[in-house]
């Protein structure tokens, strides 16, 4: 019979993910984000215009709606830019990290031995800029655990091959 040991681990000696240098999203992905947001706000604006045309309220209320629309647009762009600057990813020997967030920063760490499937997607607008999104799936979920957008397509294909190689080594 073996002797069971359960030694304490000095948590101060563990590697710190905060010290990892993250790769930022491709600068062209900011253009993709702006175009997607522009389409959303264009449709919202068209809806607002139709609402104002068919509304019997006085003009002052219409100006209030327009001002609120402008404020919403500016605040949205501000938070989109903050979120874009915080997003980043890193691949280490044993895991993949993805950082995102606007007010609070979230960092997802997924060990390679948990990865079950990897997908590469190109949206219509992203494809125009030569960008792709890597989706990493682990066991037990229908949706991806990490979605890393804004990666140059060639680099995304290389990342997919790297991850697929890690999966094959586990089998």
C-alpha atoms as a PDB file:
ATOM      1  CA  UNK A   1       0.000   0.000   0.000  1.00  0.00           C
ATOM      2  CA  UNK A   2       1.327   3.443  -0.957  1.00  0.00           C
ATOM      3  CA  UNK A   3       1.726   6.242   1.507  1.00  0.00           C
ATOM      4  CA  UNK A   4      -0.706   9.014   0.722  1.00  0.00           C
ATOM      5  CA  UNK A   5       0.711  12.523   0.792  1.00  0.00           C
ATOM      6  CA  UNK A   6      -1.065  15.797   0.320  1.00  0.00           C
ATOM      7  CA  UNK A   7       1.527  18.545   0.547  1.00  0.00           C
ATOM      8  CA  UNK A   8       0.639  22.216   0.680  1.00  0.00           C
ATOM      9  CA  UNK A   9       1.418  24.340  -2.340  1.00  0.00           C
ATOM     10  CA  UNK A  10       3.025  27.735  -1.915  1.00  0.00           C
ATOM     11  CA  UNK A  11       0.638  29.866  -3.966  1.00  0.00           C
ATOM     12  CA  UNK A  12       3.226  32.654  -4.148  1.00  0.00           C
ATOM     13  CA  UNK A  13       5.388  30.385  -6.314  1.00  0.00           C
ATOM     14  CA  UNK A  14       2.673  29.638  -8.883  1.00  0.00           C
ATOM     15  CA  UNK A  15       3.055  31.260 -12.304  1.00  0.00           C
ATOM     16  CA  UNK A  16       1.080  34.497 -12.597  1.00  0.00           C
ATOM     17  CA  UNK A  17      -1.146  34.907 -15.633  1.00  0.00           C
ATOM     18  CA  UNK A  18      -1.141  38.654 -14.975  1.00  0.00           C
ATOM     19  CA  UNK A  19       2.513  38.725 -16.062  1.00  0.00           C
ATOM     20  CA  UNK A  20       1.691  37.276 -19.486  1.00  0.00           C
ATOM     21  CA  UNK A  21       2.117  39.607 -22.441  1.00  0.00           C
ATOM     22  CA  UNK A  22      -1.173  39.554 -24.317  1.00  0.00           C
ATOM     23  CA  UNK A  23      -1.428  39.929 -28.080  1.00  0.00           C
ATOM     24  CA  UNK A  24      -3.924  42.654 -28.906  1.00  0.00           C
ATOM     25  CA  UNK A  25      -6.594  42.235 -31.551  1.00  0.00           C
ATOM     26  CA  UNK A  26      -5.703  43.269 -35.105  1.00  0.00           C
ATOM     27  CA  UNK A  27      -6.116  47.062 -35.542  1.00  0.00           C
ATOM     28  CA  UNK A  28      -8.467  46.513 -38.498  1.00  0.00           C
ATOM     29  CA  UNK A  29     -10.902  44.796 -36.156  1.00  0.00           C
ATOM     30  CA  UNK A  30     -11.698  48.245 -34.754  1.00  0.00           C
ATOM     31  CA  UNK A  31     -13.044  49.127 -38.223  1.00  0.00           C
ATOM     32  CA  UNK A  32     -15.159  45.965 -38.194  1.00  0.00           C
ATOM     33  CA  UNK A  33     -16.537  46.951 -34.789  1.00  0.00           C
ATOM     34  CA  UNK A  34     -17.330  50.460 -36.024  1.00  0.00           C
ATOM     35  CA  UNK A  35     -19.084  49.155 -39.144  1.00  0.00           C
ATOM     36  CA  UNK A  36     -21.175  46.681 -37.116  1.00  0.00           C
ATOM     37  CA  UNK A  37     -22.097  49.417 -34.637  1.00  0.00           C
ATOM     38  CA  UNK A  38     -22.807  51.819 -37.482  1.00  0.00           C
ATOM     39  CA  UNK A  39     -25.272  49.359 -39.010  1.00  0.00           C
ATOM     40  CA  UNK A  40     -26.979  48.918 -35.637  1.00  0.00           C
ATOM     41  CA  UNK A  41     -27.255  52.665 -35.008  1.00  0.00           C
ATOM     42  CA  UNK A  42     -28.385  53.306 -38.582  1.00  0.00           C
ATOM     43  CA  UNK A  43     -31.270  50.851 -38.135  1.00  0.00           C
ATOM     44  CA  UNK A  44     -32.037  52.333 -34.711  1.00  0.00           C
ATOM     45  CA  UNK A  45     -31.979  55.840 -36.215  1.00  0.00           C
ATOM     46  CA  UNK A  46     -34.329  54.827 -39.027  1.00  0.00           C
ATOM     47  CA  UNK A  47     -36.703  53.410 -36.435  1.00  0.00           C
ATOM     48  CA  UNK A  48     -36.430  56.631 -34.427  1.00  0.00           C
ATOM     49  CA  UNK A  49     -37.178  58.754 -37.505  1.00  0.00           C
ATOM     50  CA  UNK A  50     -40.261  56.684 -38.341  1.00  0.00           C
ATOM     51  CA  UNK A  51     -41.342  56.947 -34.712  1.00  0.00           C
ATOM     52  CA  UNK A  52     -40.965  60.733 -34.792  1.00  0.00           C
ATOM     53  CA  UNK A  53     -42.752  61.086 -38.138  1.00  0.00           C
ATOM     54  CA  UNK A  54     -45.788  59.100 -37.007  1.00  0.00           C
ATOM     55  CA  UNK A  55     -45.821  60.585 -33.522  1.00  0.00           C
ATOM     56  CA  UNK A  56     -48.153  63.492 -32.737  1.00  0.00           C
ATOM     57  CA  UNK A  57     -46.068  64.923 -29.890  1.00  0.00           C
ATOM     58  CA  UNK A  58     -44.659  68.429 -29.898  1.00  0.00           C
ATOM     59  CA  UNK A  59     -41.272  69.236 -31.450  1.00  0.00           C
ATOM     60  CA  UNK A  60     -39.442  69.639 -28.105  1.00  0.00           C
ATOM     61  CA  UNK A  61     -39.940  65.935 -27.373  1.00  0.00           C
ATOM     62  CA  UNK A  62     -38.561  65.044 -30.800  1.00  0.00           C
ATOM     63  CA  UNK A  63     -35.408  67.048 -30.080  1.00  0.00           C
ATOM     64  CA  UNK A  64     -35.087  65.243 -26.742  1.00  0.00           C
ATOM     65  CA  UNK A  65     -35.198  61.885 -28.538  1.00  0.00           C
ATOM     66  CA  UNK A  66     -32.550  63.034 -30.999  1.00  0.00           C
ATOM     67  CA  UNK A  67     -30.280  64.269 -28.194  1.00  0.00           C
ATOM     68  CA  UNK A  68     -30.724  60.986 -26.298  1.00  0.00           C
ATOM     69  CA  UNK A  69     -29.902  59.074 -29.489  1.00  0.00           C
ATOM     70  CA  UNK A  70     -26.688  61.097 -29.915  1.00  0.00           C
ATOM     71  CA  UNK A  71     -25.685  60.574 -26.293  1.00  0.00           C
ATOM     72  CA  UNK A  72     -26.357  56.828 -26.595  1.00  0.00           C
ATOM     73  CA  UNK A  73     -24.214  56.720 -29.737  1.00  0.00           C
ATOM     74  CA  UNK A  74     -21.294  58.549 -28.101  1.00  0.00           C
ATOM     75  CA  UNK A  75     -21.426  56.506 -24.874  1.00  0.00           C
ATOM     76  CA  UNK A  76     -21.583  53.277 -26.891  1.00  0.00           C
ATOM     77  CA  UNK A  77     -18.556  54.272 -28.979  1.00  0.00           C
ATOM     78  CA  UNK A  78     -16.641  55.193 -25.818  1.00  0.00           C
ATOM     79  CA  UNK A  79     -17.291  51.803 -24.183  1.00  0.00           C
ATOM     80  CA  UNK A  80     -16.643  49.920 -27.433  1.00  0.00           C
ATOM     81  CA  UNK A  81     -13.234  51.589 -27.679  1.00  0.00           C
ATOM     82  CA  UNK A  82     -12.402  50.813 -24.044  1.00  0.00           C
ATOM     83  CA  UNK A  83     -13.426  47.185 -24.540  1.00  0.00           C
ATOM     84  CA  UNK A  84     -11.423  46.920 -27.757  1.00  0.00           C
ATOM     85  CA  UNK A  85      -8.253  48.160 -26.057  1.00  0.00           C
ATOM     86  CA  UNK A  86      -8.608  45.628 -23.203  1.00  0.00           C
ATOM     87  CA  UNK A  87      -9.116  42.545 -25.372  1.00  0.00           C
ATOM     88  CA  UNK A  88      -6.116  40.304 -25.882  1.00  0.00           C
ATOM     89  CA  UNK A  89      -5.025  36.690 -26.103  1.00  0.00           C
ATOM     90  CA  UNK A  90      -1.998  34.572 -25.337  1.00  0.00           C
ATOM     91  CA  UNK A  91      -0.916  31.000 -25.974  1.00  0.00           C
ATOM     92  CA  UNK A  92       1.431  29.378 -23.483  1.00  0.00           C
ATOM     93  CA  UNK A  93       2.905  25.869 -23.306  1.00  0.00           C
ATOM     94  CA  UNK A  94      -0.089  24.404 -21.493  1.00  0.00           C
ATOM     95  CA  UNK A  95      -2.997  26.824 -21.897  1.00  0.00           C
ATOM     96  CA  UNK A  96      -4.698  29.608 -23.825  1.00  0.00           C
ATOM     97  CA  UNK A  97      -5.695  32.910 -22.223  1.00  0.00           C
ATOM     98  CA  UNK A  98      -8.251  35.486 -23.369  1.00  0.00           C
ATOM     99  CA  UNK A  99      -8.748  38.845 -21.670  1.00  0.00           C
ATOM    100  CA  UNK A 100     -11.783  41.086 -22.183  1.00  0.00           C
ATOM    101  CA  UNK A 101     -14.047  43.489 -20.345  1.00  0.00           C
ATOM    102  CA  UNK A 102     -14.865  47.146 -20.077  1.00  0.00           C
ATOM    103  CA  UNK A 103     -15.348  48.024 -16.436  1.00  0.00           C
ATOM    104  CA  UNK A 104     -14.145  44.712 -14.987  1.00  0.00           C
ATOM    105  CA  UNK A 105     -11.411  42.751 -16.715  1.00  0.00           C
ATOM    106  CA  UNK A 106     -12.135  39.054 -17.246  1.00  0.00           C
ATOM    107  CA  UNK A 107      -9.374  36.589 -18.055  1.00  0.00           C
ATOM    108  CA  UNK A 108     -10.300  33.104 -19.234  1.00  0.00           C
ATOM    109  CA  UNK A 109      -7.626  30.421 -18.920  1.00  0.00           C
ATOM    110  CA  UNK A 110      -8.274  27.109 -20.658  1.00  0.00           C
ATOM    111  CA  UNK A 111      -5.724  24.282 -20.417  1.00  0.00           C
ATOM    112  CA  UNK A 112      -5.101  22.520 -23.731  1.00  0.00           C
ATOM    113  CA  UNK A 113      -6.076  19.177 -22.208  1.00  0.00           C
ATOM    114  CA  UNK A 114      -9.643  20.542 -21.810  1.00  0.00           C
ATOM    115  CA  UNK A 115      -9.966  21.654 -25.456  1.00  0.00           C
ATOM    116  CA  UNK A 116     -12.224  19.378 -27.496  1.00  0.00           C
ATOM    117  CA  UNK A 117     -12.884  21.339 -30.650  1.00  0.00           C
ATOM    118  CA  UNK A 118     -11.615  24.429 -32.464  1.00  0.00           C
ATOM    119  CA  UNK A 119     -13.507  26.399 -35.108  1.00  0.00           C
ATOM    120  CA  UNK A 120     -12.461  29.258 -37.361  1.00  0.00           C
ATOM    121  CA  UNK A 121     -15.138  31.712 -38.529  1.00  0.00           C
ATOM    122  CA  UNK A 122     -15.056  34.636 -40.917  1.00  0.00           C
ATOM    123  CA  UNK A 123     -17.907  37.110 -40.774  1.00  0.00           C
ATOM    124  CA  UNK A 124     -18.893  39.025 -43.901  1.00  0.00           C
ATOM    125  CA  UNK A 125     -17.311  42.294 -42.775  1.00  0.00           C
ATOM    126  CA  UNK A 126     -14.330  40.595 -41.094  1.00  0.00           C
ATOM    127  CA  UNK A 127     -13.582  38.668 -44.288  1.00  0.00           C
ATOM    128  CA  UNK A 128     -13.354  41.974 -46.175  1.00  0.00           C
ATOM    129  CA  UNK A 129     -10.528  43.001 -43.806  1.00  0.00           C
ATOM    130  CA  UNK A 130      -8.854  39.555 -43.880  1.00  0.00           C
ATOM    131  CA  UNK A 131      -9.791  38.746 -40.287  1.00  0.00           C
ATOM    132  CA  UNK A 132     -11.208  35.669 -38.582  1.00  0.00           C
ATOM    133  CA  UNK A 133     -12.494  34.503 -35.211  1.00  0.00           C
ATOM    134  CA  UNK A 134     -11.165  31.455 -33.364  1.00  0.00           C
ATOM    135  CA  UNK A 135     -13.692  29.583 -31.234  1.00  0.00           C
ATOM    136  CA  UNK A 136     -12.405  27.170 -28.611  1.00  0.00           C
ATOM    137  CA  UNK A 137     -14.784  24.556 -27.182  1.00  0.00           C
ATOM    138  CA  UNK A 138     -14.299  22.447 -24.071  1.00  0.00           C
ATOM    139  CA  UNK A 139     -16.303  19.468 -22.846  1.00  0.00           C
ATOM    140  CA  UNK A 140     -19.831  19.947 -21.635  1.00  0.00           C
ATOM    141  CA  UNK A 141     -20.996  22.970 -23.571  1.00  0.00           C
ATOM    142  CA  UNK A 142     -22.909  23.769 -26.722  1.00  0.00           C
ATOM    143  CA  UNK A 143     -21.308  27.158 -27.208  1.00  0.00           C
ATOM    144  CA  UNK A 144     -17.651  28.105 -27.386  1.00  0.00           C
ATOM    145  CA  UNK A 145     -15.830  28.807 -24.154  1.00  0.00           C
ATOM    146  CA  UNK A 146     -13.542  31.374 -25.754  1.00  0.00           C
ATOM    147  CA  UNK A 147     -14.181  33.402 -28.881  1.00  0.00           C
ATOM    148  CA  UNK A 148     -11.125  35.353 -30.014  1.00  0.00           C
ATOM    149  CA  UNK A 149     -12.118  37.809 -32.756  1.00  0.00           C
ATOM    150  CA  UNK A 150      -9.979  40.138 -34.824  1.00  0.00           C
ATOM    151  CA  UNK A 151      -7.115  37.825 -35.776  1.00  0.00           C
ATOM    152  CA  UNK A 152      -5.502  37.967 -39.208  1.00  0.00           C
ATOM    153  CA  UNK A 153      -6.833  34.966 -41.163  1.00  0.00           C
ATOM    154  CA  UNK A 154      -3.413  33.382 -41.742  1.00  0.00           C
ATOM    155  CA  UNK A 155      -2.526  33.708 -38.051  1.00  0.00           C
ATOM    156  CA  UNK A 156      -5.953  32.305 -37.093  1.00  0.00           C
ATOM    157  CA  UNK A 157      -5.352  29.269 -39.317  1.00  0.00           C
ATOM    158  CA  UNK A 158      -1.947  28.749 -37.664  1.00  0.00           C
ATOM    159  CA  UNK A 159      -3.540  29.005 -34.213  1.00  0.00           C
ATOM    160  CA  UNK A 160      -6.199  26.486 -35.215  1.00  0.00           C
ATOM    161  CA  UNK A 161      -3.489  24.060 -36.400  1.00  0.00           C
ATOM    162  CA  UNK A 162      -1.561  24.558 -33.148  1.00  0.00           C
ATOM    163  CA  UNK A 163      -4.658  23.791 -31.077  1.00  0.00           C
ATOM    164  CA  UNK A 164      -5.638  20.823 -33.235  1.00  0.00           C
ATOM    165  CA  UNK A 165      -2.106  19.464 -32.751  1.00  0.00           C
ATOM    166  CA  UNK A 166      -2.483  19.830 -28.981  1.00  0.00           C
ATOM    167  CA  UNK A 167      -5.803  17.947 -29.140  1.00  0.00           C
ATOM    168  CA  UNK A 168      -4.258  15.117 -31.234  1.00  0.00           C
ATOM    169  CA  UNK A 169      -1.403  14.679 -28.735  1.00  0.00           C
ATOM    170  CA  UNK A 170      -3.971  14.032 -25.994  1.00  0.00           C
ATOM    171  CA  UNK A 171      -5.663  11.197 -27.863  1.00  0.00           C
END
